Amino acid sequence: MLPREELIAAARGEIEVDLLLAGGSVANLLSGEVHRANVAVHMDRIAGFDCSSARRVLDVEDCVLSPGFIDAHVHIESAMVTVPEYARAVVPRGTTTVISDPHEIANVWGEDGVTYILQASKKAPLNVYVMLPTCVPATEMETSGARLDAPALSRLLAEPEVIGLAEVMNYPGVLFRDAELMKKLSLAGSRPVDGHAPGLSGRDLSAYISAGIR
């Protein structure tokens, strides 16, 4: 079966699932209720509740299962700890996934700094996805420890954990169509590009959004 068809069959209880979390309760975050239920997991996906059989059964009696928090925008290096130590602080409190913008470490260490975040994240018990810094330095008037140009972004975009481009703080560069910034934005393709343009309005805001920034 194709993966999608297999997941459908697992959800319908037609095949043996990979894992059954049995005997616990599930927090319904929409209604605020807590329900007794077994949770079926197949191919690393939650396939549904209960099932006919499972390859592995994990007893979660007296546990409440709930979705993990997703921190949609974070600068891990600003916490002044390594990625595994950051995970040690946030995972026990319910955060299972973060979207990291390694802007600060890129300003100091450039492409190598972003690569460090990507590599260190592989060793952490936390899902870490990265939005690549687009403005290092933030503007040409700033002095930073490194630069992150379009070729560097192109190389980093090949990493599977990279899901888009981070805050485009240099909105004057967008409005005046700075050549280097235009190259960076063109690399995104269909991936999201985060905005950062406080106070921008009217035609300038329309122009900024027209560049594909959200």
N, C-alpha and C. Protein backbone atom coordinates (compact mmCIF):
# COMPACT_ATOMS: atom_id res chain seq x y z
N MET A 1 0.84 -1.21 0.00
CA MET A 1 0.00 0.00 0.00
C MET A 1 0.86 1.25 0.00
N LEU A 2 0.35 2.29 -0.60
CA LEU A 2 1.00 3.58 -0.52
C LEU A 2 0.88 4.12 0.90
N PRO A 3 1.81 4.99 1.33
CA PRO A 3 1.75 5.50 2.70
C PRO A 3 0.41 6.10 3.09
N ARG A 4 -0.20 6.86 2.19
CA ARG A 4 -1.49 7.48 2.52
C ARG A 4 -2.56 6.42 2.71
N GLU A 5 -2.57 5.44 1.82
CA GLU A 5 -3.57 4.37 1.92
C GLU A 5 -3.37 3.55 3.19
N GLU A 6 -2.10 3.36 3.55
CA GLU A 6 -1.80 2.60 4.77
C GLU A 6 -2.28 3.34 6.01
N LEU A 7 -2.10 4.66 6.02
CA LEU A 7 -2.57 5.46 7.16
C LEU A 7 -4.09 5.42 7.28
N ILE A 8 -4.76 5.44 6.13
CA ILE A 8 -6.23 5.35 6.15
C ILE A 8 -6.66 4.00 6.72
N ALA A 9 -5.99 2.95 6.29
CA ALA A 9 -6.32 1.61 6.79
C ALA A 9 -6.06 1.51 8.29
N ALA A 10 -4.97 2.15 8.74
CA ALA A 10 -4.65 2.12 10.17
C ALA A 10 -5.71 2.86 10.97
N ALA A 11 -6.15 4.00 10.46
CA ALA A 11 -7.17 4.79 11.16
C ALA A 11 -8.49 4.05 11.25
N ARG A 12 -8.78 3.20 10.26
CA ARG A 12 -10.02 2.43 10.25
C ARG A 12 -9.90 1.12 11.04
N GLY A 13 -8.73 0.85 11.59
CA GLY A 13 -8.55 -0.38 12.35
C GLY A 13 -8.44 -1.62 11.51
N GLU A 14 -8.08 -1.46 10.23
CA GLU A 14 -8.03 -2.59 9.32
C GLU A 14 -6.69 -3.31 9.34
N ILE A 15 -5.64 -2.63 9.85
CA ILE A 15 -4.32 -3.24 9.89
C ILE A 15 -3.71 -3.04 11.28
N GLU A 16 -2.66 -3.77 11.55
CA GLU A 16 -1.95 -3.63 12.82
C GLU A 16 -1.16 -2.32 12.79
N VAL A 17 -1.30 -1.52 13.84
CA VAL A 17 -0.58 -0.25 13.89
C VAL A 17 0.78 -0.45 14.57
N ASP A 18 1.64 0.55 14.42
CA ASP A 18 2.99 0.45 14.99
C ASP A 18 2.98 0.53 16.52
N LEU A 19 2.14 1.41 17.06
CA LEU A 19 2.17 1.67 18.50
C LEU A 19 0.79 2.03 19.00
N LEU A 20 0.45 1.51 20.19
CA LEU A 20 -0.79 1.88 20.85
C LEU A 20 -0.46 2.42 22.24
N LEU A 21 -0.83 3.67 22.48
CA LEU A 21 -0.70 4.26 23.81
C LEU A 21 -1.98 3.93 24.56
N ALA A 22 -1.89 3.00 25.50
CA ALA A 22 -3.09 2.41 26.09
C ALA A 22 -3.29 2.81 27.54
N GLY A 23 -4.57 3.00 27.90
CA GLY A 23 -4.95 3.18 29.28
C GLY A 23 -4.92 4.60 29.80
N GLY A 24 -4.59 5.56 28.95
CA GLY A 24 -4.49 6.94 29.40
C GLY A 24 -5.70 7.78 29.04
N SER A 25 -5.56 9.08 29.20
CA SER A 25 -6.62 10.03 28.87
C SER A 25 -6.08 11.03 27.86
N VAL A 26 -6.98 11.61 27.08
CA VAL A 26 -6.61 12.57 26.05
C VAL A 26 -7.25 13.92 26.35
N ALA A 27 -6.46 14.97 26.35
CA ALA A 27 -6.98 16.32 26.57
C ALA A 27 -7.52 16.88 25.27
N ASN A 28 -8.80 17.24 25.27
CA ASN A 28 -9.43 17.89 24.12
C ASN A 28 -9.28 19.39 24.30
N LEU A 29 -8.36 20.00 23.56
CA LEU A 29 -8.07 21.42 23.76
C LEU A 29 -9.14 22.33 23.18
N LEU A 30 -10.06 21.78 22.41
CA LEU A 30 -11.16 22.59 21.87
C LEU A 30 -12.30 22.70 22.87
N SER A 31 -12.63 21.57 23.51
CA SER A 31 -13.77 21.58 24.44
C SER A 31 -13.35 21.74 25.90
N GLY A 32 -12.05 21.52 26.17
CA GLY A 32 -11.59 21.58 27.54
C GLY A 32 -11.86 20.29 28.33
N GLU A 33 -12.34 19.27 27.64
CA GLU A 33 -12.66 18.00 28.30
C GLU A 33 -11.46 17.05 28.26
N VAL A 34 -11.47 16.09 29.15
CA VAL A 34 -10.47 15.03 29.17
C VAL A 34 -11.19 13.70 28.98
N HIS A 35 -10.82 12.95 27.95
CA HIS A 35 -11.49 11.70 27.61
C HIS A 35 -10.56 10.51 27.82
N ARG A 36 -11.09 9.42 28.31
CA ARG A 36 -10.35 8.17 28.35
C ARG A 36 -10.28 7.61 26.93
N ALA A 37 -9.08 7.30 26.48
CA ALA A 37 -8.95 6.78 25.12
C ALA A 37 -7.57 6.18 24.92
N ASN A 38 -7.51 5.20 24.03
CA ASN A 38 -6.24 4.68 23.56
C ASN A 38 -5.88 5.40 22.26
N VAL A 39 -4.62 5.73 22.09
CA VAL A 39 -4.18 6.48 20.91
C VAL A 39 -3.31 5.58 20.04
N ALA A 40 -3.72 5.44 18.77
CA ALA A 40 -2.99 4.62 17.82
C ALA A 40 -2.01 5.48 17.03
N VAL A 41 -0.77 5.01 16.93
CA VAL A 41 0.28 5.71 16.18
C VAL A 41 0.78 4.78 15.09
N HIS A 42 0.87 5.32 13.87
CA HIS A 42 1.35 4.51 12.75
C HIS A 42 2.18 5.39 11.82
N MET A 43 3.35 4.90 11.44
CA MET A 43 4.25 5.65 10.55
C MET A 43 4.53 7.05 11.10
N ASP A 44 4.74 7.11 12.42
CA ASP A 44 5.05 8.37 13.11
C ASP A 44 3.91 9.38 13.05
N ARG A 45 2.71 8.92 12.75
CA ARG A 45 1.53 9.79 12.73
C ARG A 45 0.49 9.26 13.71
N ILE A 46 -0.26 10.18 14.32
CA ILE A 46 -1.40 9.76 15.12
C ILE A 46 -2.49 9.32 14.16
N ALA A 47 -2.82 8.04 14.21
CA ALA A 47 -3.77 7.48 13.24
C ALA A 47 -5.21 7.54 13.74
N GLY A 48 -5.39 7.67 15.04
CA GLY A 48 -6.75 7.71 15.56
C GLY A 48 -6.80 7.13 16.96
N PHE A 49 -8.01 6.82 17.39
CA PHE A 49 -8.22 6.30 18.73
C PHE A 49 -8.63 4.83 18.66
N ASP A 50 -7.98 4.04 19.53
CA ASP A 50 -8.22 2.61 19.58
C ASP A 50 -7.81 1.95 18.26
N CYS A 51 -7.70 0.67 18.27
CA CYS A 51 -7.37 -0.10 17.07
C CYS A 51 -7.54 -1.57 17.40
N SER A 52 -7.51 -2.39 16.37
CA SER A 52 -7.71 -3.81 16.61
C SER A 52 -6.47 -4.48 17.17
N SER A 53 -5.30 -4.08 16.70
CA SER A 53 -4.06 -4.68 17.20
C SER A 53 -2.89 -3.73 16.94
N ALA A 54 -1.81 -3.94 17.69
CA ALA A 54 -0.63 -3.09 17.56
C ALA A 54 0.63 -3.91 17.76
N ARG A 55 1.69 -3.54 17.06
CA ARG A 55 2.97 -4.23 17.21
C ARG A 55 3.57 -3.98 18.59
N ARG A 56 3.30 -2.79 19.11
CA ARG A 56 3.84 -2.44 20.43
C ARG A 56 2.77 -1.71 21.21
N VAL A 57 2.60 -2.06 22.47
CA VAL A 57 1.63 -1.39 23.34
C VAL A 57 2.39 -0.75 24.50
N LEU A 58 2.17 0.54 24.70
CA LEU A 58 2.80 1.27 25.79
C LEU A 58 1.73 1.66 26.81
N ASP A 59 1.91 1.22 28.04
CA ASP A 59 0.94 1.51 29.10
C ASP A 59 1.14 2.95 29.58
N VAL A 60 0.11 3.80 29.38
CA VAL A 60 0.18 5.19 29.82
C VAL A 60 -0.91 5.47 30.86
N GLU A 61 -1.21 4.47 31.65
CA GLU A 61 -2.19 4.61 32.73
C GLU A 61 -1.81 5.78 33.62
N ASP A 62 -2.81 6.58 34.01
CA ASP A 62 -2.63 7.77 34.87
C ASP A 62 -1.94 8.94 34.16
N CYS A 63 -1.73 8.81 32.85
CA CYS A 63 -1.14 9.91 32.08
C CYS A 63 -2.22 10.62 31.27
N VAL A 64 -2.03 11.92 31.07
CA VAL A 64 -2.91 12.70 30.20
C VAL A 64 -2.11 13.07 28.96
N LEU A 65 -2.58 12.65 27.79
CA LEU A 65 -1.91 12.94 26.53
C LEU A 65 -2.47 14.23 25.95
N SER A 66 -1.58 15.09 25.50
CA SER A 66 -2.04 16.35 24.90
C SER A 66 -1.10 16.73 23.76
N PRO A 67 -1.56 17.55 22.81
CA PRO A 67 -0.67 18.01 21.74
C PRO A 67 0.47 18.85 22.32
N GLY A 68 1.62 18.78 21.66
CA GLY A 68 2.74 19.61 22.09
C GLY A 68 2.58 21.03 21.59
N PHE A 69 3.18 21.96 22.32
CA PHE A 69 3.19 23.36 21.88
C PHE A 69 4.19 23.53 20.74
N ILE A 70 3.87 24.44 19.82
CA ILE A 70 4.79 24.83 18.76
C ILE A 70 5.12 26.31 18.94
N ASP A 71 6.38 26.61 19.19
CA ASP A 71 6.83 28.01 19.28
C ASP A 71 7.15 28.46 17.87
N ALA A 72 6.31 29.32 17.32
CA ALA A 72 6.39 29.67 15.90
C ALA A 72 7.50 30.64 15.55
N HIS A 73 8.14 31.25 16.56
CA HIS A 73 9.24 32.17 16.26
C HIS A 73 10.12 32.31 17.49
N VAL A 74 11.36 31.85 17.37
CA VAL A 74 12.26 31.91 18.52
C VAL A 74 13.70 32.10 18.02
N HIS A 75 14.49 32.78 18.82
CA HIS A 75 15.94 32.90 18.58
C HIS A 75 16.62 32.09 19.68
N ILE A 76 16.91 30.83 19.41
CA ILE A 76 17.44 29.93 20.45
C ILE A 76 18.71 30.50 21.07
N GLU A 77 19.58 31.05 20.24
CA GLU A 77 20.86 31.53 20.75
C GLU A 77 20.71 32.70 21.72
N SER A 78 19.58 33.39 21.67
CA SER A 78 19.35 34.50 22.59
C SER A 78 19.16 34.02 24.03
N ALA A 79 18.86 32.72 24.19
CA ALA A 79 18.75 32.16 25.53
C ALA A 79 20.12 31.92 26.16
N MET A 80 21.17 32.09 25.36
CA MET A 80 22.56 31.96 25.84
C MET A 80 22.87 30.54 26.32
N VAL A 81 22.23 29.55 25.69
CA VAL A 81 22.54 28.14 25.98
C VAL A 81 22.61 27.39 24.65
N THR A 82 23.16 26.18 24.70
CA THR A 82 23.21 25.35 23.51
C THR A 82 21.82 24.82 23.18
N VAL A 83 21.67 24.28 21.98
CA VAL A 83 20.36 23.77 21.57
C VAL A 83 19.88 22.63 22.48
N PRO A 84 20.73 21.64 22.82
CA PRO A 84 20.25 20.58 23.74
C PRO A 84 19.83 21.13 25.10
N GLU A 85 20.55 22.14 25.61
CA GLU A 85 20.17 22.71 26.90
C GLU A 85 18.85 23.48 26.79
N TYR A 86 18.66 24.14 25.66
CA TYR A 86 17.38 24.83 25.42
C TYR A 86 16.24 23.81 25.42
N ALA A 87 16.47 22.69 24.74
CA ALA A 87 15.45 21.64 24.69
C ALA A 87 15.16 21.11 26.09
N ARG A 88 16.20 20.97 26.90
CA ARG A 88 16.02 20.47 28.27
C ARG A 88 15.13 21.39 29.10
N ALA A 89 15.15 22.67 28.76
CA ALA A 89 14.34 23.63 29.50
C ALA A 89 12.89 23.67 29.02
N VAL A 90 12.66 23.53 27.71
CA VAL A 90 11.31 23.76 27.18
C VAL A 90 10.49 22.48 26.98
N VAL A 91 11.15 21.36 26.68
CA VAL A 91 10.40 20.13 26.40
C VAL A 91 9.57 19.67 27.61
N PRO A 92 10.13 19.67 28.82
CA PRO A 92 9.31 19.24 29.97
C PRO A 92 8.11 20.14 30.23
N ARG A 93 8.11 21.33 29.64
CA ARG A 93 7.00 22.27 29.83
C ARG A 93 6.02 22.24 28.65
N GLY A 94 6.19 21.25 27.77
CA GLY A 94 5.18 21.03 26.75
C GLY A 94 5.53 21.48 25.35
N THR A 95 6.66 22.17 25.15
CA THR A 95 7.04 22.59 23.80
C THR A 95 7.77 21.46 23.11
N THR A 96 7.25 21.02 21.98
CA THR A 96 7.86 19.91 21.26
C THR A 96 8.47 20.32 19.92
N THR A 97 8.10 21.52 19.45
CA THR A 97 8.58 22.00 18.15
C THR A 97 8.85 23.49 18.23
N VAL A 98 9.94 23.94 17.62
CA VAL A 98 10.20 25.37 17.52
C VAL A 98 10.58 25.72 16.09
N ILE A 99 10.23 26.95 15.70
CA ILE A 99 10.68 27.50 14.42
C ILE A 99 11.74 28.54 14.77
N SER A 100 12.98 28.21 14.47
CA SER A 100 14.11 29.04 14.88
C SER A 100 14.54 29.99 13.78
N ASP A 101 14.76 31.24 14.17
CA ASP A 101 15.37 32.24 13.29
C ASP A 101 16.74 32.57 13.91
N PRO A 102 17.82 31.94 13.41
CA PRO A 102 19.14 32.13 14.01
C PRO A 102 19.81 33.43 13.59
N HIS A 103 19.06 34.51 13.67
CA HIS A 103 19.55 35.80 13.20
C HIS A 103 20.76 36.29 14.01
N GLU A 104 20.67 36.13 15.34
CA GLU A 104 21.74 36.66 16.20
C GLU A 104 23.06 35.93 15.98
N ILE A 105 23.01 34.60 15.96
CA ILE A 105 24.26 33.85 15.77
C ILE A 105 24.81 34.07 14.36
N ALA A 106 23.92 34.29 13.39
CA ALA A 106 24.39 34.57 12.03
C ALA A 106 25.11 35.92 11.97
N ASN A 107 24.67 36.90 12.75
CA ASN A 107 25.33 38.20 12.77
C ASN A 107 26.74 38.11 13.33
N VAL A 108 26.97 37.10 14.16
CA VAL A 108 28.30 36.94 14.77
C VAL A 108 29.16 35.95 13.98
N TRP A 109 28.53 34.87 13.50
CA TRP A 109 29.27 33.72 12.98
C TRP A 109 28.91 33.37 11.53
N GLY A 110 27.96 34.06 10.96
CA GLY A 110 27.61 33.86 9.56
C GLY A 110 27.04 32.49 9.25
N GLU A 111 27.37 31.97 8.07
CA GLU A 111 26.84 30.68 7.62
C GLU A 111 27.20 29.56 8.58
N ASP A 112 28.40 29.60 9.13
CA ASP A 112 28.81 28.56 10.09
C ASP A 112 27.91 28.55 11.33
N GLY A 113 27.47 29.73 11.75
CA GLY A 113 26.59 29.80 12.91
C GLY A 113 25.25 29.15 12.65
N VAL A 114 24.70 29.38 11.47
CA VAL A 114 23.42 28.76 11.11
C VAL A 114 23.60 27.24 11.00
N THR A 115 24.73 26.84 10.40
CA THR A 115 25.01 25.41 10.28
C THR A 115 25.12 24.75 11.65
N TYR A 116 25.72 25.48 12.60
CA TYR A 116 25.81 24.93 13.96
C TYR A 116 24.40 24.68 14.53
N ILE A 117 23.49 25.64 14.38
CA ILE A 117 22.13 25.47 14.90
C ILE A 117 21.48 24.25 14.26
N LEU A 118 21.67 24.09 12.96
CA LEU A 118 21.07 22.95 12.26
C LEU A 118 21.65 21.63 12.76
N GLN A 119 22.97 21.56 12.92
CA GLN A 119 23.61 20.32 13.35
C GLN A 119 23.31 20.00 14.81
N ALA A 120 23.36 21.02 15.67
CA ALA A 120 23.10 20.80 17.10
C ALA A 120 21.66 20.37 17.33
N SER A 121 20.75 20.81 16.47
CA SER A 121 19.34 20.48 16.63
C SER A 121 19.08 19.00 16.40
N LYS A 122 19.93 18.36 15.60
CA LYS A 122 19.74 16.93 15.32
C LYS A 122 19.97 16.08 16.57
N LYS A 123 20.69 16.64 17.55
CA LYS A 123 21.01 15.88 18.76
C LYS A 123 20.05 16.20 19.91
N ALA A 124 19.08 17.06 19.65
CA ALA A 124 18.18 17.50 20.72
C ALA A 124 16.84 16.78 20.63
N PRO A 125 16.20 16.49 21.78
CA PRO A 125 14.87 15.86 21.78
C PRO A 125 13.77 16.88 21.53
N LEU A 126 13.94 17.62 20.46
CA LEU A 126 13.05 18.72 20.12
C LEU A 126 13.03 18.86 18.61
N ASN A 127 11.85 19.06 18.03
CA ASN A 127 11.77 19.31 16.59
C ASN A 127 12.15 20.76 16.33
N VAL A 128 13.23 20.97 15.61
CA VAL A 128 13.70 22.33 15.32
C VAL A 128 13.70 22.55 13.80
N TYR A 129 12.88 23.51 13.36
CA TYR A 129 12.88 23.93 11.97
C TYR A 129 13.45 25.34 11.90
N VAL A 130 14.05 25.67 10.77
CA VAL A 130 14.78 26.94 10.67
C VAL A 130 14.25 27.79 9.53
N MET A 131 14.04 29.06 9.86
CA MET A 131 13.80 30.10 8.86
C MET A 131 15.11 30.87 8.73
N LEU A 132 15.65 30.97 7.53
CA LEU A 132 16.97 31.56 7.35
C LEU A 132 16.95 33.08 7.47
N PRO A 133 17.91 33.64 8.21
CA PRO A 133 18.00 35.11 8.33
C PRO A 133 18.25 35.75 6.97
N THR A 134 17.47 36.76 6.66
CA THR A 134 17.61 37.44 5.36
C THR A 134 18.41 38.72 5.45
N CYS A 135 18.57 39.26 6.65
CA CYS A 135 19.18 40.57 6.79
C CYS A 135 20.35 40.51 7.77
N VAL A 136 21.47 40.01 7.29
CA VAL A 136 22.69 39.93 8.09
C VAL A 136 23.81 40.59 7.30
N PRO A 137 24.19 41.83 7.66
CA PRO A 137 23.63 42.65 8.75
C PRO A 137 22.21 43.14 8.41
N ALA A 138 21.55 43.72 9.42
CA ALA A 138 20.17 44.15 9.24
C ALA A 138 20.05 45.17 8.12
N THR A 139 20.97 46.12 8.09
CA THR A 139 21.05 47.09 6.99
C THR A 139 22.52 47.31 6.68
N GLU A 140 22.79 47.93 5.54
CA GLU A 140 24.17 48.20 5.15
C GLU A 140 24.83 49.23 6.05
N MET A 141 24.06 49.92 6.89
CA MET A 141 24.62 50.92 7.79
C MET A 141 25.18 50.29 9.06
N GLU A 142 24.93 49.00 9.26
CA GLU A 142 25.37 48.34 10.48
C GLU A 142 26.69 47.61 10.27
N THR A 143 27.40 47.42 11.37
CA THR A 143 28.63 46.64 11.37
C THR A 143 28.37 45.35 12.13
N SER A 144 28.55 44.23 11.47
CA SER A 144 28.31 42.94 12.11
C SER A 144 29.56 42.08 12.00
N GLY A 145 29.55 40.95 12.72
CA GLY A 145 30.70 40.06 12.67
C GLY A 145 30.76 39.22 11.42
N ALA A 146 29.67 39.17 10.68
CA ALA A 146 29.63 38.33 9.48
C ALA A 146 28.54 38.84 8.54
N ARG A 147 28.55 38.28 7.35
CA ARG A 147 27.51 38.58 6.37
C ARG A 147 26.91 37.26 5.89
N LEU A 148 25.64 37.30 5.55
CA LEU A 148 24.96 36.13 5.01
C LEU A 148 24.38 36.53 3.66
N ASP A 149 25.08 36.18 2.58
CA ASP A 149 24.67 36.63 1.25
C ASP A 149 23.80 35.58 0.57
N ALA A 150 23.35 35.89 -0.63
CA ALA A 150 22.44 34.99 -1.36
C ALA A 150 23.06 33.62 -1.63
N PRO A 151 24.33 33.51 -2.04
CA PRO A 151 24.89 32.16 -2.24
C PRO A 151 24.89 31.32 -0.96
N ALA A 152 25.15 31.95 0.18
CA ALA A 152 25.12 31.22 1.45
C ALA A 152 23.71 30.73 1.75
N LEU A 153 22.71 31.59 1.54
CA LEU A 153 21.32 31.18 1.76
C LEU A 153 20.94 30.03 0.83
N SER A 154 21.42 30.08 -0.39
CA SER A 154 21.11 29.03 -1.37
C SER A 154 21.65 27.69 -0.88
N ARG A 155 22.85 27.69 -0.34
CA ARG A 155 23.42 26.44 0.19
C ARG A 155 22.62 25.93 1.39
N LEU A 156 22.25 26.83 2.27
CA LEU A 156 21.53 26.43 3.48
C LEU A 156 20.11 25.96 3.18
N LEU A 157 19.51 26.47 2.13
CA LEU A 157 18.16 26.07 1.76
C LEU A 157 18.07 24.60 1.37
N ALA A 158 19.22 23.99 1.10
CA ALA A 158 19.22 22.56 0.74
C ALA A 158 19.01 21.67 1.96
N GLU A 159 19.14 22.24 3.17
CA GLU A 159 18.94 21.45 4.39
C GLU A 159 17.44 21.16 4.59
N PRO A 160 17.10 19.92 4.90
CA PRO A 160 15.67 19.57 5.01
C PRO A 160 14.93 20.29 6.13
N GLU A 161 15.65 20.74 7.17
CA GLU A 161 15.01 21.43 8.29
C GLU A 161 14.73 22.90 8.01
N VAL A 162 15.26 23.40 6.89
CA VAL A 162 15.04 24.81 6.53
C VAL A 162 13.72 24.91 5.79
N ILE A 163 12.81 25.74 6.30
CA ILE A 163 11.46 25.79 5.73
C ILE A 163 11.11 27.14 5.11
N GLY A 164 12.02 28.10 5.14
CA GLY A 164 11.71 29.39 4.53
C GLY A 164 12.72 30.45 4.92
N LEU A 165 12.35 31.70 4.65
CA LEU A 165 13.20 32.85 4.97
C LEU A 165 12.59 33.64 6.11
N ALA A 166 13.45 34.09 7.01
CA ALA A 166 12.98 34.77 8.22
C ALA A 166 12.81 36.27 7.99
N GLU A 167 12.49 36.95 9.06
CA GLU A 167 12.11 38.37 9.08
C GLU A 167 12.90 39.25 8.09
N VAL A 168 12.19 39.84 7.16
CA VAL A 168 12.81 40.79 6.24
C VAL A 168 12.73 42.17 6.89
N MET A 169 13.72 42.44 7.75
CA MET A 169 13.72 43.69 8.51
C MET A 169 14.10 44.90 7.65
N ASN A 170 14.87 44.65 6.63
CA ASN A 170 15.33 45.74 5.78
C ASN A 170 14.25 46.12 4.76
N TYR A 171 13.14 46.67 5.29
CA TYR A 171 12.05 46.98 4.36
C TYR A 171 12.39 48.13 3.40
N PRO A 172 13.28 49.09 3.77
CA PRO A 172 13.69 50.05 2.73
C PRO A 172 14.36 49.35 1.55
N GLY A 173 15.12 48.28 1.85
CA GLY A 173 15.76 47.53 0.78
C GLY A 173 14.75 46.89 -0.15
N VAL A 174 13.60 46.47 0.40
CA VAL A 174 12.53 45.92 -0.43
C VAL A 174 11.91 47.02 -1.30
N LEU A 175 11.59 48.13 -0.67
CA LEU A 175 10.90 49.21 -1.39
C LEU A 175 11.76 49.78 -2.51
N PHE A 176 13.08 49.84 -2.27
CA PHE A 176 13.97 50.41 -3.29
C PHE A 176 14.67 49.33 -4.10
N ARG A 177 14.16 48.11 -3.96
CA ARG A 177 14.58 46.97 -4.77
C ARG A 177 16.09 46.74 -4.78
N ASP A 178 16.67 46.68 -3.56
CA ASP A 178 18.09 46.38 -3.41
C ASP A 178 18.42 45.06 -4.11
N ALA A 179 19.43 45.08 -4.96
CA ALA A 179 19.72 43.93 -5.82
C ALA A 179 20.02 42.66 -5.01
N GLU A 180 20.84 42.76 -3.96
CA GLU A 180 21.19 41.58 -3.16
C GLU A 180 19.97 41.03 -2.43
N LEU A 181 19.15 41.92 -1.90
CA LEU A 181 17.95 41.47 -1.19
C LEU A 181 16.97 40.82 -2.16
N MET A 182 16.85 41.35 -3.36
CA MET A 182 15.97 40.74 -4.35
C MET A 182 16.43 39.32 -4.70
N LYS A 183 17.76 39.10 -4.75
CA LYS A 183 18.28 37.76 -5.01
C LYS A 183 17.88 36.81 -3.89
N LYS A 184 17.98 37.30 -2.65
CA LYS A 184 17.63 36.46 -1.51
C LYS A 184 16.15 36.07 -1.55
N LEU A 185 15.29 37.04 -1.80
CA LEU A 185 13.85 36.76 -1.81
C LEU A 185 13.48 35.78 -2.93
N SER A 186 14.20 35.86 -4.04
CA SER A 186 13.88 34.97 -5.17
C SER A 186 14.21 33.51 -4.84
N LEU A 187 15.09 33.30 -3.87
CA LEU A 187 15.47 31.93 -3.50
C LEU A 187 14.35 31.18 -2.79
N ALA A 188 13.42 31.90 -2.20
CA ALA A 188 12.38 31.27 -1.38
C ALA A 188 11.49 30.35 -2.20
N GLY A 189 11.24 30.70 -3.45
CA GLY A 189 10.31 29.90 -4.24
C GLY A 189 8.93 29.90 -3.61
N SER A 190 8.41 28.72 -3.33
CA SER A 190 7.07 28.61 -2.72
C SER A 190 7.13 28.59 -1.20
N ARG A 191 8.33 28.68 -0.62
CA ARG A 191 8.45 28.66 0.84
C ARG A 191 8.06 30.01 1.43
N PRO A 192 7.61 30.02 2.67
CA PRO A 192 7.18 31.28 3.28
C PRO A 192 8.35 32.23 3.55
N VAL A 193 8.04 33.52 3.52
CA VAL A 193 8.99 34.58 3.86
C VAL A 193 8.34 35.44 4.93
N ASP A 194 8.97 35.51 6.09
CA ASP A 194 8.40 36.26 7.21
C ASP A 194 8.62 37.76 7.06
N GLY A 195 7.61 38.52 7.46
CA GLY A 195 7.71 39.98 7.43
C GLY A 195 8.16 40.57 8.74
N HIS A 196 8.66 41.80 8.67
CA HIS A 196 9.03 42.58 9.86
C HIS A 196 9.12 44.02 9.39
N ALA A 197 8.01 44.73 9.48
CA ALA A 197 7.97 46.10 8.94
C ALA A 197 7.08 46.98 9.80
N PRO A 198 7.50 47.25 11.04
CA PRO A 198 6.66 48.08 11.93
C PRO A 198 6.45 49.49 11.37
N GLY A 199 5.20 49.94 11.41
CA GLY A 199 4.88 51.29 10.97
C GLY A 199 4.65 51.44 9.49
N LEU A 200 4.91 50.41 8.71
CA LEU A 200 4.72 50.51 7.26
C LEU A 200 3.23 50.48 6.94
N SER A 201 2.80 51.33 6.03
CA SER A 201 1.37 51.40 5.69
C SER A 201 1.20 51.88 4.25
N GLY A 202 -0.05 51.92 3.83
CA GLY A 202 -0.38 52.46 2.51
C GLY A 202 0.31 51.73 1.37
N ARG A 203 0.75 52.51 0.37
CA ARG A 203 1.37 51.91 -0.81
C ARG A 203 2.66 51.18 -0.49
N ASP A 204 3.39 51.69 0.49
CA ASP A 204 4.64 51.02 0.86
C ASP A 204 4.36 49.63 1.43
N LEU A 205 3.32 49.50 2.25
CA LEU A 205 2.96 48.18 2.79
C LEU A 205 2.50 47.26 1.66
N SER A 206 1.74 47.80 0.72
CA SER A 206 1.29 47.00 -0.42
C SER A 206 2.49 46.51 -1.24
N ALA A 207 3.47 47.40 -1.42
CA ALA A 207 4.66 47.02 -2.17
C ALA A 207 5.44 45.94 -1.45
N TYR A 208 5.54 46.07 -0.13
CA TYR A 208 6.26 45.09 0.69
C TYR A 208 5.60 43.71 0.58
N ILE A 209 4.27 43.68 0.69
CA ILE A 209 3.54 42.42 0.59
C ILE A 209 3.64 41.84 -0.82
N SER A 210 3.67 42.73 -1.82
CA SER A 210 3.76 42.29 -3.21
C SER A 210 5.08 41.57 -3.51
N ALA A 211 6.07 41.78 -2.63
CA ALA A 211 7.36 41.09 -2.80
C ALA A 211 7.29 39.64 -2.36
N GLY A 212 6.12 39.21 -1.88
CA GLY A 212 5.95 37.83 -1.45
C GLY A 212 6.19 37.62 0.03
N ILE A 213 6.22 38.72 0.78
CA ILE A 213 6.49 38.66 2.22
C ILE A 213 5.17 38.65 2.97
N ARG A 214 5.10 37.84 4.01
CA ARG A 214 3.86 37.75 4.79
C ARG A 214 4.14 38.05 6.25
